[in-house]
Amino acid sequence: MTDQTGGRRVVTNMALSLDGRYAAPSAPEDMGWVMPYAVTDVARDHLTSLVETATTVLLGRVNAEGFLGFWPTVIGMEGADPRDEGFAKWLVDADKVVLSSTLREAPWERTTIADRPAAEVVADLKATEGGDILVLSSASVIKALLAADRVDRLALTIFPVFLGGGPRLFDDGLPPGQWALAGQTAGEHGTLALVYDRVR
């Protein structure tokens, strides 16, 4: 049975290669391997479905700079996919919490800076009113929440490439636990979207 006790869920989303990596070994910041698959219907619909129930986004600083530097520019962009524009609008309007030990104040609207462990931050967020707390592609944050068993829904897009090395999302030593498949979609180029709920 999945955790349906009410309250806010922590939902994490990450793109992975078929060999389980979230970044290439030689250039971790280069996400070019993701791009052919990120623009598929499966990937776009997957992201759209996640933001429908989310009101807060939790990001690490590096991801915040990337996401909040790029996505607002999509709004009103000629030829933009409506799903991309919808996500961009959601991101701008959502409450944002950025985990950082170096930022003192947020350069973005509707943003709070938190210099505390991710598990503590989500515990505080879960005690407040609101929808899902969505962690978008921030590997260090997701790893910390998995290690603390604070993830309620695990959303993954699997792209059919081997990166041949690089960091893995699932480290050894994670707390044992069961997950229930809540959604699966396969599509063009072999892209696969999977959603698992933590069984508690």
N, C-alpha and C. Protein backbone atom coordinates (compact mmCIF):
# COMPACT_ATOMS: atom_id res chain seq x y z
N MET A 1 0.85 -1.19 0.00
CA MET A 1 0.00 0.00 0.00
C MET A 1 0.89 1.24 0.00
N THR A 2 0.54 2.19 -0.86
CA THR A 2 1.34 3.40 -0.93
C THR A 2 0.93 4.37 0.17
N ASP A 3 1.78 5.35 0.38
CA ASP A 3 1.56 6.32 1.44
C ASP A 3 0.49 7.31 1.02
N GLN A 4 -0.74 7.13 1.48
CA GLN A 4 -1.85 8.02 1.14
C GLN A 4 -2.42 8.64 2.40
N THR A 5 -1.55 9.00 3.31
CA THR A 5 -1.99 9.52 4.60
C THR A 5 -2.30 11.01 4.55
N GLY A 6 -2.30 11.58 3.35
CA GLY A 6 -2.56 13.01 3.23
C GLY A 6 -1.28 13.80 3.39
N GLY A 7 -1.40 15.10 3.29
CA GLY A 7 -0.21 15.94 3.40
C GLY A 7 0.51 16.03 2.07
N ARG A 8 1.61 16.73 2.09
CA ARG A 8 2.37 17.00 0.88
C ARG A 8 3.32 15.85 0.55
N ARG A 9 3.43 15.54 -0.72
CA ARG A 9 4.38 14.52 -1.16
C ARG A 9 5.67 15.17 -1.65
N VAL A 10 6.77 14.47 -1.44
CA VAL A 10 8.05 14.85 -2.04
C VAL A 10 8.21 14.02 -3.30
N VAL A 11 8.24 14.69 -4.45
CA VAL A 11 8.33 14.03 -5.75
C VAL A 11 9.65 14.42 -6.38
N THR A 12 10.45 13.44 -6.75
CA THR A 12 11.74 13.73 -7.38
C THR A 12 11.70 13.30 -8.84
N ASN A 13 12.33 14.08 -9.70
CA ASN A 13 12.34 13.77 -11.13
C ASN A 13 13.77 13.84 -11.66
N MET A 14 14.16 12.81 -12.40
CA MET A 14 15.52 12.75 -12.94
C MET A 14 15.54 11.97 -14.25
N ALA A 15 16.35 12.43 -15.18
CA ALA A 15 16.61 11.70 -16.42
C ALA A 15 17.85 10.83 -16.23
N LEU A 16 17.74 9.58 -16.65
CA LEU A 16 18.85 8.64 -16.51
C LEU A 16 19.15 7.97 -17.84
N SER A 17 20.41 7.63 -18.04
CA SER A 17 20.79 6.80 -19.18
C SER A 17 20.41 5.35 -18.87
N LEU A 18 20.44 4.54 -19.90
CA LEU A 18 20.08 3.13 -19.72
C LEU A 18 21.05 2.42 -18.79
N ASP A 19 22.29 2.90 -18.69
CA ASP A 19 23.23 2.30 -17.75
C ASP A 19 23.24 3.03 -16.41
N GLY A 20 22.17 3.78 -16.12
CA GLY A 20 21.93 4.28 -14.76
C GLY A 20 22.67 5.54 -14.37
N ARG A 21 23.14 6.31 -15.34
CA ARG A 21 23.90 7.54 -15.04
C ARG A 21 23.03 8.77 -15.29
N TYR A 22 23.32 9.85 -14.55
CA TYR A 22 22.61 11.10 -14.81
C TYR A 22 23.51 12.15 -15.45
N ALA A 23 24.77 11.84 -15.63
CA ALA A 23 25.71 12.76 -16.29
C ALA A 23 26.84 11.95 -16.89
N ALA A 24 27.41 12.50 -17.95
CA ALA A 24 28.53 11.83 -18.60
C ALA A 24 29.80 11.99 -17.75
N PRO A 25 30.74 11.04 -17.85
CA PRO A 25 31.93 11.09 -17.01
C PRO A 25 32.88 12.24 -17.36
N SER A 26 32.98 12.57 -18.64
CA SER A 26 33.99 13.55 -19.06
C SER A 26 33.55 14.99 -18.84
N ALA A 27 32.23 15.25 -19.00
CA ALA A 27 31.74 16.63 -18.87
C ALA A 27 30.36 16.59 -18.20
N PRO A 28 30.34 16.53 -16.86
CA PRO A 28 29.07 16.38 -16.15
C PRO A 28 28.06 17.49 -16.45
N GLU A 29 28.57 18.68 -16.79
CA GLU A 29 27.65 19.79 -17.04
C GLU A 29 27.03 19.73 -18.45
N ASP A 30 27.58 18.87 -19.33
CA ASP A 30 27.09 18.76 -20.70
C ASP A 30 25.90 17.80 -20.74
N MET A 31 24.71 18.35 -20.92
CA MET A 31 23.51 17.52 -20.96
C MET A 31 23.03 17.31 -22.40
N GLY A 32 23.95 17.44 -23.36
CA GLY A 32 23.60 17.26 -24.76
C GLY A 32 23.01 15.89 -25.05
N TRP A 33 23.44 14.88 -24.29
CA TRP A 33 22.92 13.52 -24.51
C TRP A 33 21.42 13.43 -24.20
N VAL A 34 20.92 14.35 -23.37
CA VAL A 34 19.52 14.34 -22.97
C VAL A 34 18.62 14.93 -24.06
N MET A 35 19.14 15.92 -24.78
CA MET A 35 18.29 16.76 -25.63
C MET A 35 17.45 16.01 -26.67
N PRO A 36 17.98 15.01 -27.39
CA PRO A 36 17.12 14.35 -28.38
C PRO A 36 15.89 13.69 -27.75
N TYR A 37 16.00 13.33 -26.48
CA TYR A 37 14.92 12.61 -25.81
C TYR A 37 14.03 13.53 -24.97
N ALA A 38 14.60 14.63 -24.48
CA ALA A 38 13.84 15.55 -23.62
C ALA A 38 12.71 16.23 -24.38
N VAL A 39 12.82 16.28 -25.71
CA VAL A 39 11.79 16.95 -26.51
C VAL A 39 10.77 15.96 -27.09
N THR A 40 10.80 14.71 -26.64
CA THR A 40 9.80 13.74 -27.08
C THR A 40 8.49 13.99 -26.35
N ASP A 41 7.40 13.49 -26.95
CA ASP A 41 6.09 13.62 -26.30
C ASP A 41 6.08 12.96 -24.93
N VAL A 42 6.73 11.80 -24.82
CA VAL A 42 6.76 11.09 -23.54
C VAL A 42 7.39 11.96 -22.46
N ALA A 43 8.55 12.55 -22.74
CA ALA A 43 9.25 13.35 -21.74
C ALA A 43 8.46 14.62 -21.41
N ARG A 44 7.93 15.27 -22.43
CA ARG A 44 7.17 16.50 -22.18
C ARG A 44 5.89 16.22 -21.39
N ASP A 45 5.17 15.16 -21.77
CA ASP A 45 3.93 14.82 -21.05
C ASP A 45 4.23 14.40 -19.61
N HIS A 46 5.34 13.71 -19.42
CA HIS A 46 5.77 13.28 -18.09
C HIS A 46 5.98 14.49 -17.18
N LEU A 47 6.72 15.47 -17.66
CA LEU A 47 6.98 16.67 -16.86
C LEU A 47 5.69 17.45 -16.60
N THR A 48 4.85 17.56 -17.62
CA THR A 48 3.56 18.25 -17.46
C THR A 48 2.72 17.59 -16.36
N SER A 49 2.71 16.26 -16.33
CA SER A 49 1.90 15.57 -15.33
C SER A 49 2.43 15.80 -13.91
N LEU A 50 3.74 15.96 -13.78
CA LEU A 50 4.33 16.17 -12.45
C LEU A 50 3.99 17.55 -11.89
N VAL A 51 3.94 18.56 -12.75
CA VAL A 51 3.69 19.91 -12.24
C VAL A 51 2.22 20.17 -11.97
N GLU A 52 1.35 19.30 -12.48
CA GLU A 52 -0.09 19.50 -12.27
C GLU A 52 -0.46 19.48 -10.79
N THR A 53 0.27 18.71 -9.98
CA THR A 53 -0.07 18.57 -8.56
C THR A 53 0.96 19.24 -7.65
N ALA A 54 1.94 19.92 -8.24
CA ALA A 54 3.03 20.50 -7.45
C ALA A 54 2.85 22.02 -7.31
N THR A 55 3.18 22.54 -6.13
CA THR A 55 3.12 23.99 -5.90
C THR A 55 4.46 24.56 -5.46
N THR A 56 5.40 23.68 -5.13
CA THR A 56 6.72 24.11 -4.67
C THR A 56 7.78 23.33 -5.44
N VAL A 57 8.85 24.03 -5.83
CA VAL A 57 9.98 23.36 -6.47
C VAL A 57 11.20 23.52 -5.57
N LEU A 58 11.91 22.43 -5.39
CA LEU A 58 13.12 22.40 -4.56
C LEU A 58 14.30 22.11 -5.48
N LEU A 59 15.32 22.99 -5.44
CA LEU A 59 16.46 22.88 -6.35
C LEU A 59 17.76 23.11 -5.60
N GLY A 60 18.82 22.48 -6.08
CA GLY A 60 20.15 22.87 -5.66
C GLY A 60 20.54 24.15 -6.38
N ARG A 61 21.57 24.83 -5.91
CA ARG A 61 21.93 26.13 -6.48
C ARG A 61 22.29 26.05 -7.96
N VAL A 62 23.11 25.06 -8.34
CA VAL A 62 23.57 24.98 -9.74
C VAL A 62 22.38 24.76 -10.66
N ASN A 63 21.48 23.85 -10.27
CA ASN A 63 20.29 23.61 -11.09
C ASN A 63 19.38 24.82 -11.12
N ALA A 64 19.27 25.51 -9.99
CA ALA A 64 18.43 26.71 -9.95
C ALA A 64 18.93 27.74 -10.95
N GLU A 65 20.24 27.93 -11.00
CA GLU A 65 20.79 28.90 -11.93
C GLU A 65 20.51 28.50 -13.38
N GLY A 66 20.62 27.20 -13.67
CA GLY A 66 20.33 26.72 -15.02
C GLY A 66 18.86 26.81 -15.37
N PHE A 67 18.01 26.28 -14.50
CA PHE A 67 16.56 26.26 -14.76
C PHE A 67 15.99 27.68 -14.83
N LEU A 68 16.36 28.50 -13.86
CA LEU A 68 15.74 29.83 -13.75
C LEU A 68 16.39 30.83 -14.69
N GLY A 69 17.55 30.46 -15.23
CA GLY A 69 18.15 31.28 -16.27
C GLY A 69 17.54 31.01 -17.64
N PHE A 70 17.12 29.75 -17.87
CA PHE A 70 16.62 29.36 -19.19
C PHE A 70 15.10 29.40 -19.31
N TRP A 71 14.39 28.75 -18.40
CA TRP A 71 12.97 28.50 -18.63
C TRP A 71 12.11 29.75 -18.78
N PRO A 72 12.33 30.80 -18.01
CA PRO A 72 11.49 31.99 -18.22
C PRO A 72 11.59 32.57 -19.64
N THR A 73 12.71 32.29 -20.33
CA THR A 73 12.87 32.81 -21.69
C THR A 73 11.98 32.07 -22.69
N VAL A 74 11.46 30.91 -22.30
CA VAL A 74 10.60 30.11 -23.19
C VAL A 74 9.20 30.74 -23.30
N ILE A 75 8.80 31.48 -22.27
CA ILE A 75 7.46 32.08 -22.26
C ILE A 75 7.36 33.10 -23.38
N GLY A 76 6.43 32.88 -24.30
CA GLY A 76 6.25 33.78 -25.43
C GLY A 76 7.22 33.55 -26.58
N MET A 77 8.09 32.54 -26.45
CA MET A 77 9.06 32.25 -27.51
C MET A 77 8.33 31.72 -28.75
N GLU A 78 8.68 32.23 -29.88
CA GLU A 78 8.04 31.80 -31.12
C GLU A 78 8.32 30.32 -31.37
N GLY A 79 7.25 29.58 -31.64
CA GLY A 79 7.39 28.15 -31.94
C GLY A 79 7.56 27.26 -30.74
N ALA A 80 7.48 27.81 -29.53
CA ALA A 80 7.65 26.99 -28.32
C ALA A 80 6.51 25.98 -28.21
N ASP A 81 6.84 24.76 -27.80
CA ASP A 81 5.82 23.75 -27.55
C ASP A 81 4.96 24.23 -26.37
N PRO A 82 3.63 24.14 -26.48
CA PRO A 82 2.77 24.62 -25.39
C PRO A 82 3.09 23.96 -24.04
N ARG A 83 3.55 22.72 -24.07
CA ARG A 83 3.90 22.03 -22.82
C ARG A 83 5.14 22.66 -22.19
N ASP A 84 6.11 23.03 -23.03
CA ASP A 84 7.31 23.70 -22.52
C ASP A 84 6.94 25.06 -21.93
N GLU A 85 6.07 25.78 -22.63
CA GLU A 85 5.66 27.10 -22.15
C GLU A 85 4.86 26.96 -20.86
N GLY A 86 4.02 25.93 -20.78
CA GLY A 86 3.25 25.68 -19.56
C GLY A 86 4.15 25.38 -18.38
N PHE A 87 5.19 24.58 -18.61
CA PHE A 87 6.14 24.28 -17.54
C PHE A 87 6.88 25.54 -17.12
N ALA A 88 7.29 26.36 -18.09
CA ALA A 88 8.01 27.59 -17.79
C ALA A 88 7.16 28.52 -16.93
N LYS A 89 5.88 28.65 -17.28
CA LYS A 89 4.97 29.52 -16.50
C LYS A 89 4.79 28.97 -15.09
N TRP A 90 4.65 27.64 -15.00
CA TRP A 90 4.51 27.02 -13.67
C TRP A 90 5.75 27.32 -12.82
N LEU A 91 6.93 27.17 -13.42
CA LEU A 91 8.18 27.37 -12.69
C LEU A 91 8.30 28.81 -12.18
N VAL A 92 7.92 29.75 -13.00
CA VAL A 92 7.98 31.16 -12.59
C VAL A 92 7.02 31.43 -11.43
N ASP A 93 5.82 30.85 -11.52
CA ASP A 93 4.77 31.13 -10.52
C ASP A 93 4.91 30.31 -9.24
N ALA A 94 5.60 29.18 -9.31
CA ALA A 94 5.69 28.28 -8.14
C ALA A 94 6.57 28.89 -7.06
N ASP A 95 6.33 28.47 -5.82
CA ASP A 95 7.24 28.81 -4.73
C ASP A 95 8.51 27.98 -4.93
N LYS A 96 9.65 28.64 -4.85
CA LYS A 96 10.92 27.96 -5.09
C LYS A 96 11.78 28.01 -3.83
N VAL A 97 12.38 26.87 -3.51
CA VAL A 97 13.32 26.80 -2.41
C VAL A 97 14.64 26.30 -3.00
N VAL A 98 15.69 27.08 -2.81
CA VAL A 98 17.00 26.74 -3.36
C VAL A 98 17.94 26.43 -2.20
N LEU A 99 18.52 25.24 -2.23
CA LEU A 99 19.47 24.83 -1.20
C LEU A 99 20.85 25.35 -1.58
N SER A 100 21.42 26.17 -0.73
CA SER A 100 22.74 26.74 -1.03
C SER A 100 23.41 27.22 0.24
N SER A 101 24.71 26.98 0.31
CA SER A 101 25.49 27.51 1.44
C SER A 101 26.23 28.78 1.04
N THR A 102 26.12 29.17 -0.25
CA THR A 102 26.85 30.34 -0.72
C THR A 102 25.95 31.52 -1.05
N LEU A 103 24.73 31.26 -1.54
CA LEU A 103 23.81 32.36 -1.84
C LEU A 103 23.27 32.95 -0.54
N ARG A 104 23.23 34.25 -0.46
CA ARG A 104 22.66 34.91 0.72
C ARG A 104 21.25 35.41 0.46
N GLU A 105 21.01 35.86 -0.78
CA GLU A 105 19.66 36.26 -1.13
C GLU A 105 19.36 35.79 -2.54
N ALA A 106 18.08 35.58 -2.82
CA ALA A 106 17.69 34.98 -4.09
C ALA A 106 17.60 36.03 -5.19
N PRO A 107 18.21 35.75 -6.34
CA PRO A 107 18.06 36.66 -7.48
C PRO A 107 16.77 36.41 -8.26
N TRP A 108 15.95 35.48 -7.80
CA TRP A 108 14.71 35.13 -8.50
C TRP A 108 13.51 35.43 -7.61
N GLU A 109 12.38 35.73 -8.26
CA GLU A 109 11.15 36.00 -7.52
C GLU A 109 10.60 34.71 -6.91
N ARG A 110 9.82 34.89 -5.85
CA ARG A 110 9.14 33.76 -5.17
C ARG A 110 10.13 32.67 -4.76
N THR A 111 11.32 33.06 -4.32
CA THR A 111 12.37 32.11 -4.00
C THR A 111 12.91 32.34 -2.60
N THR A 112 13.08 31.23 -1.87
CA THR A 112 13.68 31.24 -0.55
C THR A 112 15.00 30.48 -0.62
N ILE A 113 16.03 30.98 0.03
CA ILE A 113 17.31 30.28 0.10
C ILE A 113 17.35 29.52 1.43
N ALA A 114 17.76 28.26 1.39
CA ALA A 114 17.87 27.45 2.61
C ALA A 114 19.27 26.86 2.69
N ASP A 115 19.96 27.15 3.78
CA ASP A 115 21.30 26.60 4.01
C ASP A 115 21.18 25.55 5.12
N ARG A 116 20.45 24.48 4.80
CA ARG A 116 20.24 23.38 5.75
C ARG A 116 20.16 22.07 4.98
N PRO A 117 20.27 20.94 5.64
CA PRO A 117 20.15 19.66 4.94
C PRO A 117 18.78 19.52 4.25
N ALA A 118 18.79 18.87 3.09
CA ALA A 118 17.56 18.71 2.30
C ALA A 118 16.44 18.05 3.10
N ALA A 119 16.78 17.04 3.90
CA ALA A 119 15.74 16.32 4.65
C ALA A 119 15.05 17.24 5.66
N GLU A 120 15.80 18.14 6.26
CA GLU A 120 15.21 19.11 7.20
C GLU A 120 14.29 20.08 6.47
N VAL A 121 14.74 20.53 5.32
CA VAL A 121 13.94 21.49 4.55
C VAL A 121 12.61 20.87 4.13
N VAL A 122 12.64 19.62 3.63
CA VAL A 122 11.38 19.02 3.20
C VAL A 122 10.49 18.69 4.39
N ALA A 123 11.07 18.35 5.53
CA ALA A 123 10.25 18.12 6.73
C ALA A 123 9.46 19.37 7.09
N ASP A 124 10.12 20.53 7.00
CA ASP A 124 9.44 21.80 7.28
C ASP A 124 8.38 22.09 6.22
N LEU A 125 8.71 21.86 4.95
CA LEU A 125 7.74 22.11 3.88
C LEU A 125 6.52 21.20 4.00
N LYS A 126 6.75 19.95 4.38
CA LYS A 126 5.64 19.00 4.51
C LYS A 126 4.70 19.38 5.65
N ALA A 127 5.19 20.18 6.58
CA ALA A 127 4.36 20.62 7.71
C ALA A 127 3.48 21.82 7.33
N THR A 128 3.64 22.34 6.11
CA THR A 128 2.85 23.48 5.66
C THR A 128 1.81 23.02 4.65
N GLU A 129 0.89 23.92 4.33
CA GLU A 129 -0.14 23.63 3.32
C GLU A 129 0.46 23.77 1.92
N GLY A 130 -0.09 23.00 1.00
CA GLY A 130 0.34 23.12 -0.39
C GLY A 130 0.29 21.79 -1.11
N GLY A 131 0.66 21.83 -2.38
CA GLY A 131 0.69 20.63 -3.20
C GLY A 131 2.02 19.92 -3.09
N ASP A 132 2.31 19.10 -4.08
CA ASP A 132 3.56 18.34 -4.08
C ASP A 132 4.78 19.26 -4.05
N ILE A 133 5.85 18.75 -3.46
CA ILE A 133 7.15 19.42 -3.45
C ILE A 133 7.98 18.69 -4.50
N LEU A 134 8.27 19.36 -5.60
CA LEU A 134 8.91 18.73 -6.75
C LEU A 134 10.39 19.06 -6.79
N VAL A 135 11.22 18.03 -6.78
CA VAL A 135 12.68 18.20 -6.88
C VAL A 135 13.06 17.87 -8.32
N LEU A 136 13.53 18.89 -9.04
CA LEU A 136 13.77 18.77 -10.47
C LEU A 136 15.25 18.56 -10.79
N SER A 137 15.64 17.33 -11.08
CA SER A 137 16.95 17.03 -11.66
C SER A 137 18.14 17.46 -10.81
N SER A 138 17.93 17.81 -9.55
CA SER A 138 19.04 18.19 -8.67
C SER A 138 19.56 16.93 -7.99
N ALA A 139 20.57 16.32 -8.60
CA ALA A 139 21.03 15.01 -8.15
C ALA A 139 21.46 15.01 -6.69
N SER A 140 22.21 16.03 -6.25
CA SER A 140 22.69 16.03 -4.86
C SER A 140 21.53 16.09 -3.88
N VAL A 141 20.48 16.83 -4.23
CA VAL A 141 19.31 16.94 -3.37
C VAL A 141 18.54 15.62 -3.35
N ILE A 142 18.34 15.03 -4.53
CA ILE A 142 17.61 13.76 -4.62
C ILE A 142 18.37 12.66 -3.87
N LYS A 143 19.69 12.61 -4.03
CA LYS A 143 20.49 11.60 -3.33
C LYS A 143 20.33 11.73 -1.81
N ALA A 144 20.37 12.97 -1.32
CA ALA A 144 20.23 13.20 0.12
C ALA A 144 18.85 12.77 0.62
N LEU A 145 17.82 13.05 -0.17
CA LEU A 145 16.46 12.68 0.23
C LEU A 145 16.23 11.18 0.16
N LEU A 146 16.82 10.52 -0.84
CA LEU A 146 16.73 9.06 -0.92
C LEU A 146 17.44 8.42 0.28
N ALA A 147 18.61 8.96 0.63
CA ALA A 147 19.37 8.42 1.76
C ALA A 147 18.61 8.58 3.07
N ALA A 148 17.81 9.64 3.18
CA ALA A 148 17.02 9.89 4.39
C ALA A 148 15.62 9.28 4.30
N ASP A 149 15.33 8.57 3.21
CA ASP A 149 14.01 7.95 2.97
C ASP A 149 12.89 8.99 3.04
N ARG A 150 13.12 10.14 2.40
CA ARG A 150 12.13 11.22 2.41
C ARG A 150 11.45 11.42 1.05
N VAL A 151 11.66 10.50 0.11
CA VAL A 151 11.02 10.61 -1.20
C VAL A 151 9.74 9.78 -1.21
N ASP A 152 8.63 10.42 -1.59
CA ASP A 152 7.33 9.73 -1.65
C ASP A 152 7.01 9.24 -3.05
N ARG A 153 7.48 9.96 -4.04
CA ARG A 153 7.24 9.57 -5.44
C ARG A 153 8.53 9.78 -6.21
N LEU A 154 8.94 8.75 -6.94
CA LEU A 154 10.18 8.76 -7.71
C LEU A 154 9.81 8.73 -9.19
N ALA A 155 10.06 9.83 -9.89
CA ALA A 155 9.75 9.92 -11.32
C ALA A 155 11.05 9.89 -12.10
N LEU A 156 11.09 9.04 -13.12
CA LEU A 156 12.31 8.86 -13.91
C LEU A 156 11.96 8.86 -15.39
N THR A 157 12.82 9.48 -16.19
CA THR A 157 12.77 9.23 -17.63
C THR A 157 14.06 8.50 -17.97
N ILE A 158 13.90 7.39 -18.67
CA ILE A 158 15.05 6.56 -19.05
C ILE A 158 15.28 6.76 -20.54
N PHE A 159 16.51 7.19 -20.88
CA PHE A 159 16.85 7.44 -22.27
C PHE A 159 17.79 6.34 -22.76
N PRO A 160 17.56 5.79 -23.96
CA PRO A 160 18.26 4.58 -24.41
C PRO A 160 19.67 4.85 -24.93
N VAL A 161 20.51 5.33 -24.03
CA VAL A 161 21.93 5.51 -24.35
C VAL A 161 22.75 4.98 -23.18
N PHE A 162 23.93 4.47 -23.48
CA PHE A 162 24.92 4.15 -22.46
C PHE A 162 25.89 5.33 -22.39
N LEU A 163 26.10 5.86 -21.20
CA LEU A 163 27.11 6.91 -21.04
C LEU A 163 28.48 6.31 -20.71
N GLY A 164 28.49 5.06 -20.29
CA GLY A 164 29.75 4.36 -20.09
C GLY A 164 30.53 4.78 -18.87
N GLY A 165 29.89 5.48 -17.97
CA GLY A 165 30.55 5.97 -16.76
C GLY A 165 29.84 7.23 -16.32
N GLY A 166 30.36 7.83 -15.26
CA GLY A 166 29.72 9.02 -14.72
C GLY A 166 28.95 8.69 -13.45
N PRO A 167 28.41 9.71 -12.80
CA PRO A 167 27.75 9.50 -11.51
C PRO A 167 26.42 8.76 -11.64
N ARG A 168 26.14 7.94 -10.64
CA ARG A 168 24.86 7.22 -10.56
C ARG A 168 23.94 7.92 -9.58
N LEU A 169 22.64 7.80 -9.81
CA LEU A 169 21.67 8.37 -8.89
C LEU A 169 21.53 7.52 -7.64
N PHE A 170 21.56 6.22 -7.81
CA PHE A 170 21.31 5.31 -6.69
C PHE A 170 22.63 4.77 -6.14
N ASP A 171 23.06 5.34 -5.04
CA ASP A 171 24.30 4.93 -4.40
C ASP A 171 24.09 3.69 -3.55
N ASP A 172 25.15 2.95 -3.30
CA ASP A 172 25.09 1.85 -2.34
C ASP A 172 24.74 2.40 -0.96
N GLY A 173 24.06 1.58 -0.17
CA GLY A 173 23.77 1.96 1.21
C GLY A 173 22.45 2.69 1.40
N LEU A 174 21.62 2.77 0.35
CA LEU A 174 20.32 3.40 0.53
C LEU A 174 19.45 2.54 1.47
N PRO A 175 18.53 3.18 2.21
CA PRO A 175 17.65 2.40 3.09
C PRO A 175 16.83 1.41 2.26
N PRO A 176 16.76 0.15 2.68
CA PRO A 176 15.92 -0.81 1.95
C PRO A 176 14.47 -0.34 1.94
N GLY A 177 13.76 -0.61 0.87
CA GLY A 177 12.36 -0.21 0.81
C GLY A 177 11.72 -0.68 -0.48
N GLN A 178 10.39 -0.73 -0.46
CA GLN A 178 9.63 -1.16 -1.62
C GLN A 178 8.98 0.04 -2.30
N TRP A 179 8.84 -0.09 -3.62
CA TRP A 179 8.20 0.95 -4.43
C TRP A 179 7.13 0.31 -5.30
N ALA A 180 6.03 1.02 -5.51
CA ALA A 180 4.94 0.52 -6.34
C ALA A 180 4.87 1.35 -7.62
N LEU A 181 4.77 0.65 -8.76
CA LEU A 181 4.70 1.35 -10.04
C LEU A 181 3.37 2.08 -10.14
N ALA A 182 3.43 3.41 -10.35
CA ALA A 182 2.22 4.23 -10.42
C ALA A 182 1.95 4.72 -11.84
N GLY A 183 2.93 4.59 -12.72
CA GLY A 183 2.73 5.02 -14.10
C GLY A 183 3.90 4.61 -14.97
N GLN A 184 3.59 4.27 -16.22
CA GLN A 184 4.65 3.92 -17.17
C GLN A 184 4.19 4.30 -18.58
N THR A 185 5.10 4.91 -19.32
CA THR A 185 4.81 5.30 -20.70
C THR A 185 6.07 5.09 -21.52
N ALA A 186 5.90 4.46 -22.67
CA ALA A 186 7.01 4.30 -23.61
C ALA A 186 6.69 5.09 -24.86
N GLY A 187 7.73 5.61 -25.52
CA GLY A 187 7.46 6.41 -26.71
C GLY A 187 8.61 6.46 -27.67
N GLU A 188 8.60 7.51 -28.48
CA GLU A 188 9.55 7.63 -29.59
C GLU A 188 10.99 7.57 -29.11
N HIS A 189 11.86 7.04 -29.95
CA HIS A 189 13.28 6.86 -29.68
C HIS A 189 13.53 5.93 -28.49
N GLY A 190 12.53 5.20 -28.05
CA GLY A 190 12.72 4.30 -26.92
C GLY A 190 12.73 4.99 -25.57
N THR A 191 12.23 6.22 -25.52
CA THR A 191 12.14 6.95 -24.24
C THR A 191 11.10 6.29 -23.35
N LEU A 192 11.42 6.16 -22.07
CA LEU A 192 10.53 5.51 -21.11
C LEU A 192 10.35 6.42 -19.91
N ALA A 193 9.10 6.69 -19.54
CA ALA A 193 8.80 7.46 -18.34
C ALA A 193 8.21 6.53 -17.30
N LEU A 194 8.78 6.55 -16.11
CA LEU A 194 8.35 5.67 -15.02
C LEU A 194 8.07 6.50 -13.78
N VAL A 195 7.01 6.14 -13.06
CA VAL A 195 6.69 6.80 -11.79
C VAL A 195 6.45 5.71 -10.75
N TYR A 196 7.18 5.82 -9.63
CA TYR A 196 7.05 4.86 -8.52
C TYR A 196 6.65 5.60 -7.26
N ASP A 197 5.75 5.00 -6.48
CA ASP A 197 5.39 5.53 -5.17
C ASP A 197 6.03 4.68 -4.08
N ARG A 198 6.53 5.35 -3.06
CA ARG A 198 7.15 4.65 -1.92
C ARG A 198 6.07 3.92 -1.13
N VAL A 199 6.29 2.65 -0.89
CA VAL A 199 5.37 1.85 -0.07
C VAL A 199 5.83 1.95 1.37
N ARG A 200 4.95 2.41 2.25
CA ARG A 200 5.34 2.59 3.65
C ARG A 200 4.43 1.77 4.54
